[in-house]
């Protein structure tokens, strides 16, 4: 449990990761058999060129909304 807590402390401080992964139970809920839960796996990789384009679009969007 302490290793998990420490991993989360490190994760919170990493504000611009190039690669991020999520692997684990997302949500548990009860069904009639009391055995079901949701599990998720995600790997995200930064595309720096696409990020530049989307950042420019985001910066322009308030101007385009007022027209």
PDB file of N, CA and C in Angstrom:
ATOM      1  N   UNK A   1       0.828  -1.192   0.000  1.00  0.00           N
ATOM      2  CA  UNK A   1       0.000   0.000   0.000  1.00  0.00           C
ATOM      3  C   UNK A   1       0.874   1.259   0.000  1.00  0.00           C
ATOM      4  N   UNK A   2       1.962   1.224   0.740  1.00  0.00           N
ATOM      5  CA  UNK A   2       2.829   2.407   0.790  1.00  0.00           C
ATOM      6  C   UNK A   2       3.462   2.693  -0.570  1.00  0.00           C
ATOM      7  N   UNK A   3       3.812   1.649  -1.313  1.00  0.00           N
ATOM      8  CA  UNK A   3       4.375   1.844  -2.659  1.00  0.00           C
ATOM      9  C   UNK A   3       3.348   2.507  -3.572  1.00  0.00           C
ATOM     10  N   UNK A   4       2.097   2.105  -3.456  1.00  0.00           N
ATOM     11  CA  UNK A   4       1.014   2.725  -4.247  1.00  0.00           C
ATOM     12  C   UNK A   4       0.863   4.196  -3.894  1.00  0.00           C
ATOM     13  N   UNK A   5       0.868   4.511  -2.607  1.00  0.00           N
ATOM     14  CA  UNK A   5       0.747   5.906  -2.175  1.00  0.00           C
ATOM     15  C   UNK A   5       1.911   6.739  -2.699  1.00  0.00           C
ATOM     16  N   UNK A   6       3.107   6.193  -2.630  1.00  0.00           N
ATOM     17  CA  UNK A   6       4.285   6.916  -3.120  1.00  0.00           C
ATOM     18  C   UNK A   6       4.202   7.133  -4.628  1.00  0.00           C
ATOM     19  N   UNK A   7       3.708   6.142  -5.361  1.00  0.00           N
ATOM     20  CA  UNK A   7       3.565   6.306  -6.809  1.00  0.00           C
ATOM     21  C   UNK A   7       2.597   7.438  -7.138  1.00  0.00           C
ATOM     22  N   UNK A   8       1.561   7.595  -6.339  1.00  0.00           N
ATOM     23  CA  UNK A   8       0.601   8.672  -6.567  1.00  0.00           C
ATOM     24  C   UNK A   8       1.197  10.040  -6.221  1.00  0.00           C
ATOM     25  N   UNK A   9       2.049  10.085  -5.221  1.00  0.00           N
ATOM     26  CA  UNK A   9       2.735  11.343  -4.884  1.00  0.00           C
ATOM     27  C   UNK A   9       3.622  11.785  -6.046  1.00  0.00           C
ATOM     28  N   UNK A  10       4.329  10.839  -6.637  1.00  0.00           N
ATOM     29  CA  UNK A  10       5.192  11.139  -7.781  1.00  0.00           C
ATOM     30  C   UNK A  10       4.344  11.553  -8.976  1.00  0.00           C
ATOM     31  N   UNK A  11       3.253  10.839  -9.225  1.00  0.00           N
ATOM     32  CA  UNK A  11       2.378  11.121 -10.353  1.00  0.00           C
ATOM     33  C   UNK A  11       1.811  12.537 -10.282  1.00  0.00           C
ATOM     34  N   UNK A  12       1.398  12.976  -9.116  1.00  0.00           N
ATOM     35  CA  UNK A  12       0.813  14.305  -8.955  1.00  0.00           C
ATOM     36  C   UNK A  12       1.832  15.396  -9.296  1.00  0.00           C
ATOM     37  N   UNK A  13       3.090  15.168  -9.002  1.00  0.00           N
ATOM     38  CA  UNK A  13       4.128  16.168  -9.263  1.00  0.00           C
ATOM     39  C   UNK A  13       4.567  16.203 -10.723  1.00  0.00           C
ATOM     40  N   UNK A  14       4.284  15.163 -11.491  1.00  0.00           N
ATOM     41  CA  UNK A  14       4.683  15.086 -12.898  1.00  0.00           C
ATOM     42  C   UNK A  14       3.609  15.768 -13.745  1.00  0.00           C
ATOM     43  N   UNK A  15       3.729  17.086 -13.939  1.00  0.00           N
ATOM     44  CA  UNK A  15       2.652  17.846 -14.573  1.00  0.00           C
ATOM     45  C   UNK A  15       2.670  17.818 -16.097  1.00  0.00           C
ATOM     46  N   UNK A  16       3.767  17.403 -16.724  1.00  0.00           N
ATOM     47  CA  UNK A  16       3.803  17.312 -18.185  1.00  0.00           C
ATOM     48  C   UNK A  16       4.481  16.016 -18.633  1.00  0.00           C
ATOM     49  N   UNK A  17       3.869  14.882 -18.344  1.00  0.00           N
ATOM     50  CA  UNK A  17       4.499  13.624 -18.741  1.00  0.00           C
ATOM     51  C   UNK A  17       4.404  13.402 -20.257  1.00  0.00           C
ATOM     52  N   UNK A  18       5.427  12.814 -20.850  1.00  0.00           N
ATOM     53  CA  UNK A  18       5.395  12.473 -22.273  1.00  0.00           C
ATOM     54  C   UNK A  18       4.611  11.186 -22.497  1.00  0.00           C
ATOM     55  N   UNK A  19       4.610  10.308 -21.499  1.00  0.00           N
ATOM     56  CA  UNK A  19       3.854   9.057 -21.558  1.00  0.00           C
ATOM     57  C   UNK A  19       3.144   8.886 -20.225  1.00  0.00           C
ATOM     58  N   UNK A  20       1.875   8.530 -20.302  1.00  0.00           N
ATOM     59  CA  UNK A  20       1.127   8.299 -19.072  1.00  0.00           C
ATOM     60  C   UNK A  20       0.361   6.989 -19.217  1.00  0.00           C
ATOM     61  N   UNK A  21       0.307   6.223 -18.165  1.00  0.00           N
ATOM     62  CA  UNK A  21      -0.390   4.939 -18.206  1.00  0.00           C
ATOM     63  C   UNK A  21      -1.321   4.802 -17.008  1.00  0.00           C
ATOM     64  N   UNK A  22      -2.468   4.215 -17.263  1.00  0.00           N
ATOM     65  CA  UNK A  22      -3.430   3.882 -16.213  1.00  0.00           C
ATOM     66  C   UNK A  22      -3.703   2.396 -16.356  1.00  0.00           C
ATOM     67  N   UNK A  23      -3.599   1.667 -15.275  1.00  0.00           N
ATOM     68  CA  UNK A  23      -3.815   0.223 -15.304  1.00  0.00           C
ATOM     69  C   UNK A  23      -4.404  -0.176 -13.968  1.00  0.00           C
ATOM     70  N   UNK A  24      -5.683  -0.477 -13.953  1.00  0.00           N
ATOM     71  CA  UNK A  24      -6.262  -0.911 -12.689  1.00  0.00           C
ATOM     72  C   UNK A  24      -7.770  -0.805 -12.660  1.00  0.00           C
ATOM     73  N   UNK A  25      -8.327  -1.126 -11.532  1.00  0.00           N
ATOM     74  CA  UNK A  25      -9.768  -1.058 -11.362  1.00  0.00           C
ATOM     75  C   UNK A  25     -10.203   0.394 -11.305  1.00  0.00           C
ATOM     76  N   UNK A  26     -11.191   0.712 -12.120  1.00  0.00           N
ATOM     77  CA  UNK A  26     -11.701   2.075 -12.172  1.00  0.00           C
ATOM     78  C   UNK A  26     -12.868   2.264 -11.219  1.00  0.00           C
ATOM     79  N   UNK A  27     -13.693   1.238 -11.126  1.00  0.00           N
ATOM     80  CA  UNK A  27     -14.894   1.371 -10.314  1.00  0.00           C
ATOM     81  C   UNK A  27     -15.423  -0.020  -9.985  1.00  0.00           C
ATOM     82  N   UNK A  28     -15.776  -0.212  -8.787  1.00  0.00           N
ATOM     83  CA  UNK A  28     -16.399  -1.485  -8.403  1.00  0.00           C
ATOM     84  C   UNK A  28     -17.866  -1.230  -8.101  1.00  0.00           C
ATOM     85  N   UNK A  29     -18.699  -2.145  -8.497  1.00  0.00           N
ATOM     86  CA  UNK A  29     -20.110  -2.011  -8.175  1.00  0.00           C
ATOM     87  C   UNK A  29     -20.692  -3.393  -7.937  1.00  0.00           C
ATOM     88  N   UNK A  30     -21.823  -3.429  -7.300  1.00  0.00           N
ATOM     89  CA  UNK A  30     -22.428  -4.716  -6.950  1.00  0.00           C
ATOM     90  C   UNK A  30     -23.449  -5.130  -8.000  1.00  0.00           C
ATOM     91  N   UNK A  31     -23.378  -6.360  -8.373  1.00  0.00           N
ATOM     92  CA  UNK A  31     -24.399  -6.965  -9.214  1.00  0.00           C
ATOM     93  C   UNK A  31     -25.015  -8.108  -8.409  1.00  0.00           C
ATOM     94  N   UNK A  32     -26.002  -8.798  -8.960  1.00  0.00           N
ATOM     95  CA  UNK A  32     -26.629  -9.878  -8.177  1.00  0.00           C
ATOM     96  C   UNK A  32     -25.638 -10.941  -7.681  1.00  0.00           C
ATOM     97  N   UNK A  33     -24.570 -11.172  -8.450  1.00  0.00           N
ATOM     98  CA  UNK A  33     -23.580 -12.154  -8.019  1.00  0.00           C
ATOM     99  C   UNK A  33     -22.477 -11.548  -7.172  1.00  0.00           C
ATOM    100  N   UNK A  34     -22.508 -10.230  -7.001  1.00  0.00           N
ATOM    101  CA  UNK A  34     -21.532  -9.492  -6.187  1.00  0.00           C
ATOM    102  C   UNK A  34     -20.090  -9.738  -6.674  1.00  0.00           C
ATOM    103  N   UNK A  35     -19.922  -9.762  -8.004  1.00  0.00           N
ATOM    104  CA  UNK A  35     -18.601 -10.089  -8.535  1.00  0.00           C
ATOM    105  C   UNK A  35     -18.109  -9.122  -9.616  1.00  0.00           C
ATOM    106  N   UNK A  36     -18.808  -8.088  -9.924  1.00  0.00           N
ATOM    107  CA  UNK A  36     -18.469  -7.276 -11.074  1.00  0.00           C
ATOM    108  C   UNK A  36     -17.711  -6.000 -10.704  1.00  0.00           C
ATOM    109  N   UNK A  37     -16.810  -5.600 -11.595  1.00  0.00           N
ATOM    110  CA  UNK A  37     -16.084  -4.344 -11.444  1.00  0.00           C
ATOM    111  C   UNK A  37     -15.604  -3.909 -12.819  1.00  0.00           C
ATOM    112  N   UNK A  38     -15.278  -2.644 -12.956  1.00  0.00           N
ATOM    113  CA  UNK A  38     -14.728  -2.143 -14.212  1.00  0.00           C
ATOM    114  C   UNK A  38     -13.222  -2.041 -14.084  1.00  0.00           C
ATOM    115  N   UNK A  39     -12.543  -2.440 -15.133  1.00  0.00           N
ATOM    116  CA  UNK A  39     -11.088  -2.416 -15.176  1.00  0.00           C
ATOM    117  C   UNK A  39     -10.685  -1.610 -16.394  1.00  0.00           C
ATOM    118  N   UNK A  40      -9.694  -0.756 -16.245  1.00  0.00           N
ATOM    119  CA  UNK A  40      -9.280   0.049 -17.396  1.00  0.00           C
ATOM    120  C   UNK A  40      -7.777   0.018 -17.586  1.00  0.00           C
ATOM    121  N   UNK A  41      -7.387   0.080 -18.855  1.00  0.00           N
ATOM    122  CA  UNK A  41      -5.991   0.182 -19.237  1.00  0.00           C
ATOM    123  C   UNK A  41      -5.909   1.276 -20.285  1.00  0.00           C
ATOM    124  N   UNK A  42      -5.017   2.227 -20.072  1.00  0.00           N
ATOM    125  CA  UNK A  42      -4.860   3.341 -20.999  1.00  0.00           C
ATOM    126  C   UNK A  42      -3.394   3.724 -21.058  1.00  0.00           C
ATOM    127  N   UNK A  43      -2.904   3.952 -22.248  1.00  0.00           N
ATOM    128  CA  UNK A  43      -1.567   4.497 -22.432  1.00  0.00           C
ATOM    129  C   UNK A  43      -1.720   5.706 -23.332  1.00  0.00           C
ATOM    130  N   UNK A  44      -1.253   6.854 -22.870  1.00  0.00           N
ATOM    131  CA  UNK A  44      -1.325   8.088 -23.649  1.00  0.00           C
ATOM    132  C   UNK A  44       0.091   8.580 -23.923  1.00  0.00           C
ATOM    133  N   UNK A  45       0.319   8.973 -25.183  1.00  0.00           N
ATOM    134  CA  UNK A  45       1.628   9.456 -25.593  1.00  0.00           C
ATOM    135  C   UNK A  45       1.442  10.839 -26.200  1.00  0.00           C
ATOM    136  N   UNK A  46       2.273  11.781 -25.811  1.00  0.00           N
ATOM    137  CA  UNK A  46       2.170  13.148 -26.309  1.00  0.00           C
ATOM    138  C   UNK A  46       2.674  13.222 -27.746  1.00  0.00           C
ATOM    139  N   UNK A  47       1.884  13.871 -28.600  1.00  0.00           N
ATOM    140  CA  UNK A  47       2.292  14.200 -29.964  1.00  0.00           C
ATOM    141  C   UNK A  47       2.555  15.708 -29.953  1.00  0.00           C
ATOM    142  N   UNK A  48       3.821  16.103 -29.896  1.00  0.00           N
ATOM    143  CA  UNK A  48       4.173  17.509 -29.712  1.00  0.00           C
ATOM    144  C   UNK A  48       3.718  18.383 -30.867  1.00  0.00           C
ATOM    145  N   UNK A  49       3.774  17.894 -32.105  1.00  0.00           N
ATOM    146  CA  UNK A  49       3.314  18.688 -33.249  1.00  0.00           C
ATOM    147  C   UNK A  49       1.803  18.913 -33.184  1.00  0.00           C
ATOM    148  N   UNK A  50       1.056  17.877 -32.862  1.00  0.00           N
ATOM    149  CA  UNK A  50      -0.398  18.008 -32.733  1.00  0.00           C
ATOM    150  C   UNK A  50      -0.754  18.923 -31.563  1.00  0.00           C
ATOM    151  N   UNK A  51       0.025  18.860 -30.500  1.00  0.00           N
ATOM    152  CA  UNK A  51      -0.207  19.735 -29.349  1.00  0.00           C
ATOM    153  C   UNK A  51      -0.046  21.206 -29.742  1.00  0.00           C
ATOM    154  N   UNK A  52       0.944  21.524 -30.567  1.00  0.00           N
ATOM    155  CA  UNK A  52       1.132  22.905 -31.041  1.00  0.00           C
ATOM    156  C   UNK A  52      -0.088  23.380 -31.825  1.00  0.00           C
ATOM    157  N   UNK A  53      -0.600  22.519 -32.700  1.00  0.00           N
ATOM    158  CA  UNK A  53      -1.767  22.876 -33.507  1.00  0.00           C
ATOM    159  C   UNK A  53      -2.992  23.090 -32.623  1.00  0.00           C
ATOM    160  N   UNK A  54      -3.230  22.183 -31.702  1.00  0.00           N
ATOM    161  CA  UNK A  54      -4.398  22.305 -30.822  1.00  0.00           C
ATOM    162  C   UNK A  54      -4.277  23.495 -29.875  1.00  0.00           C
ATOM    163  N   UNK A  55      -3.059  23.804 -29.440  1.00  0.00           N
ATOM    164  CA  UNK A  55      -2.845  24.972 -28.587  1.00  0.00           C
ATOM    165  C   UNK A  55      -3.175  26.244 -29.352  1.00  0.00           C
ATOM    166  N   UNK A  56      -2.721  26.345 -30.594  1.00  0.00           N
ATOM    167  CA  UNK A  56      -3.029  27.515 -31.425  1.00  0.00           C
ATOM    168  C   UNK A  56      -4.532  27.627 -31.649  1.00  0.00           C
ATOM    169  N   UNK A  57      -5.193  26.525 -31.910  1.00  0.00           N
ATOM    170  CA  UNK A  57      -6.641  26.534 -32.101  1.00  0.00           C
ATOM    171  C   UNK A  57      -7.354  27.004 -30.837  1.00  0.00           C
ATOM    172  N   UNK A  58      -6.901  26.528 -29.702  1.00  0.00           N
ATOM    173  CA  UNK A  58      -7.498  26.930 -28.426  1.00  0.00           C
ATOM    174  C   UNK A  58      -7.318  28.420 -28.174  1.00  0.00           C
ATOM    175  N   UNK A  59      -6.137  28.936 -28.496  1.00  0.00           N
ATOM    176  CA  UNK A  59      -5.885  30.363 -28.299  1.00  0.00           C
ATOM    177  C   UNK A  59      -6.725  31.220 -29.241  1.00  0.00           C
ATOM    178  N   UNK A  60      -7.054  30.711 -30.415  1.00  0.00           N
ATOM    179  CA  UNK A  60      -7.853  31.441 -31.395  1.00  0.00           C
ATOM    180  C   UNK A  60      -9.347  31.330 -31.122  1.00  0.00           C
ATOM    181  N   UNK A  61      -9.776  30.294 -30.443  1.00  0.00           N
ATOM    182  CA  UNK A  61     -11.202  30.019 -30.280  1.00  0.00           C
ATOM    183  C   UNK A  61     -12.012  31.149 -29.632  1.00  0.00           C
ATOM    184  N   UNK A  62     -11.507  31.872 -28.619  1.00  0.00           N
ATOM    185  CA  UNK A  62     -12.323  32.982 -28.076  1.00  0.00           C
ATOM    186  C   UNK A  62     -12.598  34.061 -29.124  1.00  0.00           C
ATOM    187  N   UNK A  63     -11.662  34.271 -30.045  1.00  0.00           N
ATOM    188  CA  UNK A  63     -11.860  35.268 -31.107  1.00  0.00           C
ATOM    189  C   UNK A  63     -12.943  34.791 -32.055  1.00  0.00           C
ATOM    190  N   UNK A  64     -12.905  33.536 -32.449  1.00  0.00           N
ATOM    191  CA  UNK A  64     -13.881  33.013 -33.400  1.00  0.00           C
ATOM    192  C   UNK A  64     -15.279  32.928 -32.799  1.00  0.00           C
ATOM    193  N   UNK A  65     -15.395  32.796 -31.495  1.00  0.00           N
ATOM    194  CA  UNK A  65     -16.708  32.705 -30.864  1.00  0.00           C
ATOM    195  C   UNK A  65     -17.440  34.039 -30.876  1.00  0.00           C
ATOM    196  N   UNK A  66     -16.740  35.138 -30.927  1.00  0.00           N
ATOM    197  CA  UNK A  66     -17.380  36.447 -30.868  1.00  0.00           C
ATOM    198  C   UNK A  66     -17.793  36.942 -32.250  1.00  0.00           C
ATOM    199  N   UNK A  67     -17.420  36.256 -33.307  1.00  0.00           N
ATOM    200  CA  UNK A  67     -17.777  36.698 -34.671  1.00  0.00           C
ATOM    201  C   UNK A  67     -19.138  36.222 -35.064  1.00  0.00           C
TER     202      UNK A  67
END
